């Protein structure tokens, strides 16, 4: 793969109008702006990241997480572009890598359903273990794998590229490079690993992704011939996400008093050598506010990891472009950072992701999603029934509930549910189960 082909301003859905614009904004900055002002992005403010949506303590939701990932991604992209240029790489739009990565980071979680990862699990298990299992005979193997392994990453690509009813061709009409930079797993569900069950696009969008891959020169994996290799900038988007979610979850856990101040400081200081640790402890003495102390350490760790991940990208650039790089950048950082990151991850698994606050949201969300699926799937498959007719009126016209295939109808329901906020999903659940009646 080569940088000149990988960095393209061609817009998906507007290929016939591809031309140079006379504008102060680059095409990739347009991508960023288009995402920021979109309704699906705005709805992320009411979607769970890890902890319950805030009461008196404000922790991260999907919106604040995505904005922070975009900031880190921009810094990674700028650093990598500068180092590539210093290496003598000549390519158009090289200086725009920061803008591309930043825009892709904004979009990376837009396909996730309400209630965090429990929403994804609920959708998948409704079809693999629940009442949705009866639909297996109505779909191809590829289609069935799509929904029994429902994946937020693939759903993000669909959201950004699919032409919904009444909408324009090309979906968000983003540049090819930005779209490719969000596809973390560039292969269909049928080619996913048996245990990981991750994939990058649904069968419905397979041709769209292949068109983008062909335009950008993405090659087939030398290790897995049925898969494309990642666009190189995916590694930077992934690194930005890895840095933010791990470190910010630690800070949020401290705010919620799940982690003590001493434990949090230790986890963050472990990223530094003894000399650098000493300098940071001296700086902490200048600040009395505990939350400000933690914020300082958190920002220091993020800055350190940005530098180390960008260096790892440059070090492995040749393998990345040849498709033989099979790691993540966060796993390529120096040993002291790798050990500190692993310690944060272990604490998160043991104390954060299993905390009652997190589990309560996941359990409730699971039940809500399963119930919505039960009612909505029944309605789209039996539209002639009186109750179905009433319920279908709740689904906006943009969703293709009258699609000629069962697979298409199911995707329409998943489009609708995955676009919901936590509060909207809970409200609809209460109404269709009779737990809440307007005006009473």
Protein backbone atom coordinates (compact mmCIF):
# COMPACT_ATOMS: atom_id res chain seq x y z
CA UNK A 1 0.00 0.00 0.00
CA UNK A 2 1.20 3.56 -0.58
CA UNK A 3 0.35 6.86 1.10
CA UNK A 4 -0.57 8.69 -2.11
CA UNK A 5 -3.41 6.25 -2.75
CA UNK A 6 -4.36 5.75 0.91
CA UNK A 7 -5.09 9.45 1.44
CA UNK A 8 -8.02 10.34 -0.80
CA UNK A 9 -10.49 13.25 -0.73
CA UNK A 10 -13.02 11.36 -2.87
CA UNK A 11 -16.41 11.32 -1.15
CA UNK A 12 -18.55 8.21 -0.86
CA UNK A 13 -21.77 8.78 -2.79
CA UNK A 14 -20.46 11.88 -4.60
CA UNK A 15 -17.78 10.31 -6.77
CA UNK A 16 -19.16 12.00 -9.90
CA UNK A 17 -18.60 15.40 -8.31
CA UNK A 18 -15.06 14.74 -7.13
CA UNK A 19 -13.07 17.92 -7.68
CA UNK A 20 -10.75 20.35 -5.94
CA UNK A 21 -12.61 22.81 -3.74
CA UNK A 22 -11.59 26.40 -3.14
CA UNK A 23 -12.24 26.57 0.58
CA UNK A 24 -10.31 27.29 3.76
CA UNK A 25 -11.38 23.91 5.15
CA UNK A 26 -9.87 20.70 3.87
CA UNK A 27 -12.14 17.85 2.84
CA UNK A 28 -11.15 15.98 6.00
CA UNK A 29 -12.02 18.97 8.20
CA UNK A 30 -15.41 18.91 6.46
CA UNK A 31 -15.77 15.29 7.58
CA UNK A 32 -15.10 16.33 11.18
CA UNK A 33 -17.57 19.22 11.04
CA UNK A 34 -20.24 17.10 9.37
CA UNK A 35 -19.99 14.50 12.15
CA UNK A 36 -19.99 17.05 14.98
CA UNK A 37 -23.22 18.64 13.78
CA UNK A 38 -25.04 15.35 13.09
CA UNK A 39 -27.95 14.05 15.15
CA UNK A 40 -26.45 10.54 15.66
CA UNK A 41 -23.31 12.11 17.11
CA UNK A 42 -25.33 14.42 19.35
CA UNK A 43 -27.28 11.43 20.70
CA UNK A 44 -24.03 9.95 22.07
CA UNK A 45 -24.40 12.35 25.01
CA UNK A 46 -27.12 10.07 26.35
CA UNK A 47 -25.43 6.73 25.74
CA UNK A 48 -23.55 4.88 28.47
CA UNK A 49 -19.78 4.61 28.15
CA UNK A 50 -19.05 2.47 31.23
CA UNK A 51 -20.64 4.02 34.29
CA UNK A 52 -24.32 4.97 34.67
CA UNK A 53 -25.24 8.34 33.21
CA UNK A 54 -24.44 11.04 35.76
CA UNK A 55 -26.36 12.03 38.81
CA UNK A 56 -24.30 14.38 40.96
CA UNK A 57 -20.91 13.25 39.61
CA UNK A 58 -20.24 13.75 35.91
CA UNK A 59 -18.38 10.84 34.35
CA UNK A 60 -17.86 9.95 30.72
CA UNK A 61 -20.62 9.16 28.30
CA UNK A 62 -20.15 8.13 24.65
CA UNK A 63 -20.06 11.76 23.54
CA UNK A 64 -17.34 13.01 25.89
CA UNK A 65 -15.37 9.83 25.28
CA UNK A 66 -15.54 10.31 21.49
CA UNK A 67 -14.48 13.96 21.74
CA UNK A 68 -11.48 13.04 23.89
CA UNK A 69 -10.51 10.18 21.57
CA UNK A 70 -10.68 12.65 18.67
CA UNK A 71 -8.29 15.02 20.47
CA UNK A 72 -5.80 12.23 21.17
CA UNK A 73 -6.21 10.91 17.63
CA UNK A 74 -5.47 14.31 16.17
CA UNK A 75 -2.25 14.54 18.20
CA UNK A 76 -1.22 11.03 17.12
CA UNK A 77 -1.93 11.86 13.48
CA UNK A 78 0.00 15.14 13.54
CA UNK A 79 2.98 13.46 15.20
CA UNK A 80 3.00 10.58 12.70
CA UNK A 81 2.68 12.94 9.73
CA UNK A 82 5.65 14.98 10.92
CA UNK A 83 7.77 11.88 11.41
CA UNK A 84 6.79 10.46 8.00
CA UNK A 85 7.75 13.73 6.35
CA UNK A 86 11.06 13.70 8.24
CA UNK A 87 11.68 10.19 6.88
CA UNK A 88 11.30 11.54 3.36
CA UNK A 89 7.78 10.27 2.62
CA UNK A 90 6.23 12.38 -0.15
CA UNK A 91 2.46 12.20 -0.51
CA UNK A 92 -0.42 14.56 -1.06
CA UNK A 93 -2.50 15.25 2.06
CA UNK A 94 0.19 13.85 4.39
CA UNK A 95 -0.29 16.86 6.68
CA UNK A 96 -3.99 16.01 6.85
CA UNK A 97 -3.47 12.72 8.69
CA UNK A 98 -4.33 14.40 11.99
CA UNK A 99 -7.64 15.65 10.58
CA UNK A 100 -8.52 12.24 9.11
CA UNK A 101 -7.77 10.38 12.33
CA UNK A 102 -9.63 12.95 14.40
CA UNK A 103 -12.76 12.65 12.24
CA UNK A 104 -12.61 8.85 12.31
CA UNK A 105 -12.27 8.94 16.10
CA UNK A 106 -15.43 11.03 16.36
CA UNK A 107 -17.32 8.36 14.41
CA UNK A 108 -15.83 5.20 15.92
CA UNK A 109 -18.63 4.65 18.47
CA UNK A 110 -21.58 6.02 16.51
CA UNK A 111 -22.88 2.54 15.68
CA UNK A 112 -23.02 1.35 19.28
CA UNK A 113 -26.49 0.64 20.71
CA UNK A 114 -27.67 1.97 24.09
CA UNK A 115 -26.31 0.62 27.40
CA UNK A 116 -22.73 0.01 26.36
CA UNK A 117 -21.48 -3.41 25.39
CA UNK A 118 -24.45 -5.11 27.03
CA UNK A 119 -26.58 -3.67 24.21
CA UNK A 120 -24.42 -5.43 21.62
CA UNK A 121 -24.60 -8.69 23.58
CA UNK A 122 -28.37 -8.45 23.97
CA UNK A 123 -28.87 -8.01 20.22
CA UNK A 124 -26.57 -10.91 19.35
CA UNK A 125 -28.03 -13.32 21.89
CA UNK A 126 -31.65 -12.52 20.96
CA UNK A 127 -30.92 -14.21 17.64
CA UNK A 128 -28.39 -16.83 18.72
CA UNK A 129 -30.15 -18.00 21.90
CA UNK A 130 -33.52 -16.25 22.15
CA UNK A 131 -36.77 -16.05 20.21
CA UNK A 132 -34.97 -14.65 17.17
CA UNK A 133 -33.46 -18.09 16.57
CA UNK A 134 -36.60 -19.04 14.62
CA UNK A 135 -35.51 -16.67 11.82
CA UNK A 136 -32.34 -18.58 10.94
CA UNK A 137 -33.93 -20.48 8.04
CA UNK A 138 -34.98 -17.19 6.36
CA UNK A 139 -31.42 -15.88 5.93
CA UNK A 140 -28.18 -16.84 4.23
CA UNK A 141 -25.26 -18.01 6.39
CA UNK A 142 -23.54 -14.62 5.95
CA UNK A 143 -26.66 -12.67 6.91
CA UNK A 144 -27.29 -14.85 9.95
CA UNK A 145 -23.70 -14.41 11.14
CA UNK A 146 -24.12 -10.62 10.87
CA UNK A 147 -26.93 -10.48 13.39
CA UNK A 148 -25.83 -13.29 15.73
CA UNK A 149 -22.49 -11.50 16.12
CA UNK A 150 -23.88 -7.95 16.04
CA UNK A 151 -20.96 -5.55 16.10
CA UNK A 152 -20.98 -1.80 16.81
CA UNK A 153 -18.00 -1.24 14.49
CA UNK A 154 -19.84 -2.73 11.52
CA UNK A 155 -22.95 -0.80 12.46
CA UNK A 156 -20.98 2.47 12.45
CA UNK A 157 -19.88 1.82 8.87
CA UNK A 158 -23.51 1.12 7.92
CA UNK A 159 -24.75 4.27 9.65
CA UNK A 160 -22.21 6.41 7.82
CA UNK A 161 -22.65 4.91 4.33
CA UNK A 162 -26.21 3.56 4.04
CA UNK A 163 -28.84 5.51 2.12
CA UNK A 164 -31.80 5.48 4.51
CA UNK A 165 -35.28 6.32 3.22
CA UNK A 166 -35.51 9.97 2.25
CA UNK A 167 -31.77 10.53 2.71
CA UNK A 168 -29.14 11.24 0.12
CA UNK A 169 -26.95 8.68 -1.57
CA UNK A 170 -23.77 7.88 0.34
CA UNK A 171 -25.13 8.44 3.83
CA UNK A 172 -22.90 11.00 5.51
CA UNK A 173 -20.94 11.37 2.25
CA UNK A 174 -17.59 11.20 4.03
CA UNK A 175 -14.22 10.86 2.32
CA UNK A 176 -13.03 7.37 1.48
CA UNK A 177 -10.04 7.73 3.82
CA UNK A 178 -12.11 8.72 6.84
CA UNK A 179 -14.52 5.83 6.25
CA UNK A 180 -11.68 3.31 5.88
CA UNK A 181 -10.02 4.62 9.05
CA UNK A 182 -12.96 3.52 11.23
CA UNK A 183 -13.07 -0.07 9.95
CA UNK A 184 -11.12 -1.84 12.66
CA UNK A 185 -11.88 -5.32 11.31
CA UNK A 186 -11.86 -5.07 7.48
CA UNK A 187 -13.67 -8.31 6.70
CA UNK A 188 -17.17 -9.78 6.72
CA UNK A 189 -18.68 -11.55 9.75
CA UNK A 190 -18.33 -14.95 8.08
CA UNK A 191 -14.52 -14.52 8.22
CA UNK A 192 -14.36 -13.39 11.86
CA UNK A 193 -12.34 -15.34 14.42
CA UNK A 194 -14.40 -17.98 16.20
CA UNK A 195 -13.72 -16.60 19.70
CA UNK A 196 -13.49 -12.89 19.01
CA UNK A 197 -16.51 -12.60 16.65
CA UNK A 198 -15.46 -9.11 15.47
CA UNK A 199 -16.00 -7.84 11.93
CA UNK A 200 -16.13 -4.55 10.04
CA UNK A 201 -19.19 -4.47 7.79
CA UNK A 202 -22.50 -6.22 7.28
CA UNK A 203 -23.31 -8.24 4.17
CA UNK A 204 -25.54 -5.32 3.14
CA UNK A 205 -22.51 -3.00 2.93
CA UNK A 206 -19.96 -5.50 1.61
CA UNK A 207 -19.83 -4.03 -1.91
CA UNK A 208 -19.52 -0.51 -0.50
CA UNK A 209 -16.50 -1.43 1.58
CA UNK A 210 -14.89 -3.32 -1.29
CA UNK A 211 -15.29 -0.25 -3.52
CA UNK A 212 -13.56 1.92 -0.91
CA UNK A 213 -10.81 -0.68 -0.41
CA UNK A 214 -10.17 -0.86 -4.15
CA UNK A 215 -9.98 2.93 -4.49
CA UNK A 216 -7.52 3.25 -1.60
CA UNK A 217 -5.40 0.26 -2.60
CA UNK A 218 -6.09 -1.79 0.52
CA UNK A 219 -4.56 -5.21 -0.08
CA UNK A 220 -5.73 -8.65 0.96
CA UNK A 221 -4.06 -9.98 4.09
CA UNK A 222 -1.07 -12.25 3.39
CA UNK A 223 -2.09 -14.19 6.52
CA UNK A 224 -5.86 -14.32 5.86
CA UNK A 225 -6.73 -14.22 2.12
CA UNK A 226 -10.44 -13.64 2.85
CA UNK A 227 -9.70 -10.42 4.70
CA UNK A 228 -8.44 -7.01 3.69
CA UNK A 229 -5.67 -5.49 5.77
CA UNK A 230 -6.45 -2.41 7.80
CA UNK A 231 -6.05 1.08 6.46
CA UNK A 232 -2.90 2.24 8.31
CA UNK A 233 -4.73 5.06 10.08
CA UNK A 234 -6.98 2.52 11.81
CA UNK A 235 -4.02 1.78 14.08
CA UNK A 236 -3.96 5.41 15.21
CA UNK A 237 -7.74 5.50 15.80
CA UNK A 238 -7.45 2.28 17.79
CA UNK A 239 -4.52 3.63 19.82
CA UNK A 240 -6.42 6.83 20.65
CA UNK A 241 -9.36 4.75 21.88
CA UNK A 242 -7.10 2.40 23.87
CA UNK A 243 -5.37 5.33 25.55
CA UNK A 244 -8.55 7.19 26.44
CA UNK A 245 -10.87 4.48 27.64
CA UNK A 246 -8.27 2.84 29.89
CA UNK A 247 -6.92 5.99 31.50
CA UNK A 248 -10.23 7.87 31.69
CA UNK A 249 -12.00 4.87 33.27
CA UNK A 250 -9.42 5.02 36.06
CA UNK A 251 -10.08 8.73 36.60
CA UNK A 252 -13.87 8.20 36.56
CA UNK A 253 -13.55 5.35 39.06
CA UNK A 254 -11.67 7.70 41.36
CA UNK A 255 -14.39 10.34 41.10
CA UNK A 256 -16.98 7.72 41.99
CA UNK A 257 -14.81 6.53 44.91
CA UNK A 258 -14.47 3.05 43.47
CA UNK A 259 -10.70 3.59 43.58
CA UNK A 260 -8.91 5.41 46.40
CA UNK A 261 -6.76 8.45 45.72
CA UNK A 262 -3.56 6.61 46.68
CA UNK A 263 -4.41 3.65 44.45
CA UNK A 264 -5.21 5.94 41.52
CA UNK A 265 -2.00 7.93 41.94
CA UNK A 266 0.04 4.75 42.07
CA UNK A 267 -1.55 3.36 38.91
CA UNK A 268 -0.80 6.55 36.98
CA UNK A 269 2.68 7.19 38.39
CA UNK A 270 3.73 3.66 37.42
CA UNK A 271 3.96 4.80 33.79
CA UNK A 272 7.07 6.85 34.58
CA UNK A 273 10.68 6.15 35.42
CA UNK A 274 11.85 6.97 38.96
CA UNK A 275 13.30 10.31 37.83
CA UNK A 276 10.13 11.40 35.99
CA UNK A 277 7.97 10.08 38.82
CA UNK A 278 9.90 12.27 41.27
CA UNK A 279 9.32 15.38 39.13
CA UNK A 280 5.59 14.68 38.96
CA UNK A 281 5.35 14.17 42.71
CA UNK A 282 7.03 17.56 43.17
CA UNK A 283 4.44 19.12 40.86
CA UNK A 284 1.61 17.52 42.85
CA UNK A 285 2.82 19.35 45.97
CA UNK A 286 1.92 22.64 44.24
CA UNK A 287 -1.75 21.63 43.97
CA UNK A 288 -4.05 20.94 46.91
CA UNK A 289 -7.15 19.84 45.01
CA UNK A 290 -7.12 16.02 44.79
CA UNK A 291 -9.15 15.87 41.56
CA UNK A 292 -6.75 18.36 39.96
CA UNK A 293 -3.81 16.19 41.03
CA UNK A 294 -5.37 13.14 39.37
CA UNK A 295 -6.19 15.19 36.25
CA UNK A 296 -2.54 16.30 36.02
CA UNK A 297 -1.26 12.74 36.27
CA UNK A 298 -3.86 11.55 33.75
CA UNK A 299 -2.83 14.21 31.22
CA UNK A 300 0.85 13.33 31.75
CA UNK A 301 0.16 9.65 31.06
CA UNK A 302 -1.86 10.43 27.94
CA UNK A 303 0.89 12.69 26.62
CA UNK A 304 3.47 9.98 27.24
CA UNK A 305 1.41 7.30 25.46
CA UNK A 306 0.74 9.57 22.47
CA UNK A 307 4.48 9.91 21.94
CA UNK A 308 5.17 6.22 22.42
CA UNK A 309 2.34 5.03 20.15
CA UNK A 310 3.32 7.42 17.34
CA UNK A 311 6.91 6.16 17.60
CA UNK A 312 5.63 2.57 17.45
CA UNK A 313 3.69 3.41 14.28
CA UNK A 314 6.76 4.86 12.55
CA UNK A 315 8.92 1.95 13.68
CA UNK A 316 6.45 -0.54 12.19
CA UNK A 317 5.36 1.52 9.16
CA UNK A 318 6.85 -0.88 6.62
CA UNK A 319 5.03 -3.88 8.12
CA UNK A 320 1.81 -1.89 8.41
CA UNK A 321 1.90 -0.97 4.72
CA UNK A 322 2.70 -4.54 3.70
CA UNK A 323 -0.12 -5.96 5.83
CA UNK A 324 2.12 -8.08 8.04
CA UNK A 325 1.75 -6.04 11.24
CA UNK A 326 -0.66 -7.92 13.52
CA UNK A 327 -0.35 -6.13 16.83
CA UNK A 328 -1.84 -2.97 18.31
CA UNK A 329 0.27 0.11 18.91
CA UNK A 330 -0.48 0.10 22.64
CA UNK A 331 1.20 -3.32 22.85
CA UNK A 332 4.34 -1.86 21.28
CA UNK A 333 5.05 0.78 23.94
CA UNK A 334 8.16 0.45 26.17
CA UNK A 335 8.07 -2.13 28.96
CA UNK A 336 7.47 0.29 31.83
CA UNK A 337 4.39 1.72 30.11
CA UNK A 338 3.21 -1.73 29.03
CA UNK A 339 3.33 -3.00 32.63
CA UNK A 340 1.56 0.10 33.95
CA UNK A 341 -1.14 -0.17 31.27
CA UNK A 342 -1.64 -3.86 32.09
CA UNK A 343 -1.98 -2.98 35.78
CA UNK A 344 -4.68 -0.41 34.94
CA UNK A 345 -6.47 -2.98 32.82
CA UNK A 346 -6.36 -5.59 35.58
CA UNK A 347 -7.78 -3.15 38.13
CA UNK A 348 -10.49 -2.07 35.69
CA UNK A 349 -11.58 -5.68 35.13
CA UNK A 350 -11.49 -6.52 38.83
CA UNK A 351 -12.96 -3.36 40.37
CA UNK A 352 -14.59 -1.18 37.69
CA UNK A 353 -16.31 -3.34 35.09
CA UNK A 354 -17.62 -5.67 37.81
CA UNK A 355 -18.78 -2.89 40.15
CA UNK A 356 -22.48 -2.91 41.12
CA UNK A 357 -23.03 0.44 39.37
CA UNK A 358 -21.81 -0.93 36.04
CA UNK A 359 -23.46 -4.34 36.35
CA UNK A 360 -26.84 -2.80 37.23
CA UNK A 361 -26.84 -0.75 34.02
CA UNK A 362 -25.79 -3.74 31.94
CA UNK A 363 -28.45 -6.03 33.43
CA UNK A 364 -31.20 -3.45 33.00
CA UNK A 365 -30.05 -2.56 29.50
CA UNK A 366 -29.97 -6.22 28.51
CA UNK A 367 -33.60 -6.69 29.53
CA UNK A 368 -34.73 -3.48 27.81
CA UNK A 369 -33.03 -4.33 24.50
CA UNK A 370 -34.37 -7.90 24.48
CA UNK A 371 -37.90 -6.67 25.09
CA UNK A 372 -37.72 -4.02 22.36
CA UNK A 373 -36.39 -6.60 19.91
CA UNK A 374 -39.16 -9.05 20.76
CA UNK A 375 -41.90 -6.52 20.06
CA UNK A 376 -40.33 -4.73 17.08
CA UNK A 377 -39.14 -7.83 15.21
CA UNK A 378 -42.60 -9.37 15.59
CA UNK A 379 -44.16 -6.15 14.28
CA UNK A 380 -42.02 -5.83 11.12
CA UNK A 381 -42.53 -9.50 10.25
CA UNK A 382 -46.30 -9.36 10.86
CA UNK A 383 -47.30 -5.82 9.81
CA UNK A 384 -50.88 -6.87 9.10
CA UNK A 385 -51.66 -7.45 12.77
CA UNK A 386 -53.44 -4.69 14.66
CA UNK A 387 -50.82 -4.30 17.41
CA UNK A 388 -48.00 -4.43 14.85
CA UNK A 389 -49.62 -1.66 12.84
CA UNK A 390 -49.77 0.57 15.90
CA UNK A 391 -46.20 -0.19 16.98
CA UNK A 392 -44.76 0.38 13.49
CA UNK A 393 -46.06 3.93 13.62
CA UNK A 394 -43.44 4.57 16.32
CA UNK A 395 -40.62 3.76 13.91
CA UNK A 396 -39.50 6.77 11.82
CA UNK A 397 -39.99 6.50 8.04
CA UNK A 398 -36.24 6.54 7.36
CA UNK A 399 -35.97 2.91 8.54
CA UNK A 400 -36.82 0.30 5.88
CA UNK A 401 -39.34 -1.78 7.80
CA UNK A 402 -41.02 -2.81 4.53
CA UNK A 403 -37.82 -4.24 3.05
CA UNK A 404 -38.58 -7.31 0.87
CA UNK A 405 -36.27 -9.65 2.84
CA UNK A 406 -36.29 -10.76 6.46
CA UNK A 407 -32.64 -9.73 6.75
CA UNK A 408 -33.49 -6.22 5.55
CA UNK A 409 -36.40 -5.94 7.97
CA UNK A 410 -34.22 -7.08 10.87
CA UNK A 411 -31.51 -4.57 9.95
CA UNK A 412 -34.16 -1.83 9.92
CA UNK A 413 -35.11 -2.70 13.51
CA UNK A 414 -31.45 -2.82 14.53
CA UNK A 415 -30.90 0.57 12.86
CA UNK A 416 -33.73 1.99 14.93
CA UNK A 417 -32.69 0.44 18.25
CA UNK A 418 -28.98 1.13 17.89
CA UNK A 419 -29.75 4.79 17.21
CA UNK A 420 -31.66 5.14 20.48
CA UNK A 421 -30.28 6.86 23.55
CA UNK A 422 -30.45 5.05 26.89
CA UNK A 423 -33.32 7.28 28.04
CA UNK A 424 -35.31 6.85 24.81
CA UNK A 425 -34.91 3.07 24.93
CA UNK A 426 -36.04 2.99 28.57
CA UNK A 427 -39.02 5.25 27.82
CA UNK A 428 -40.16 3.12 24.86
CA UNK A 429 -39.70 -0.04 26.93
CA UNK A 430 -41.94 1.34 29.66
CA UNK A 431 -44.60 2.37 27.20
CA UNK A 432 -44.85 -0.84 25.17
CA UNK A 433 -44.87 -2.97 28.35
CA UNK A 434 -47.55 -0.79 29.93
CA UNK A 435 -45.31 0.34 32.81
CA UNK A 436 -45.77 3.96 31.83
CA UNK A 437 -48.92 5.50 30.40
CA UNK A 438 -48.83 9.15 29.22
CA UNK A 439 -51.09 11.40 31.27
CA UNK A 440 -51.54 8.96 34.15
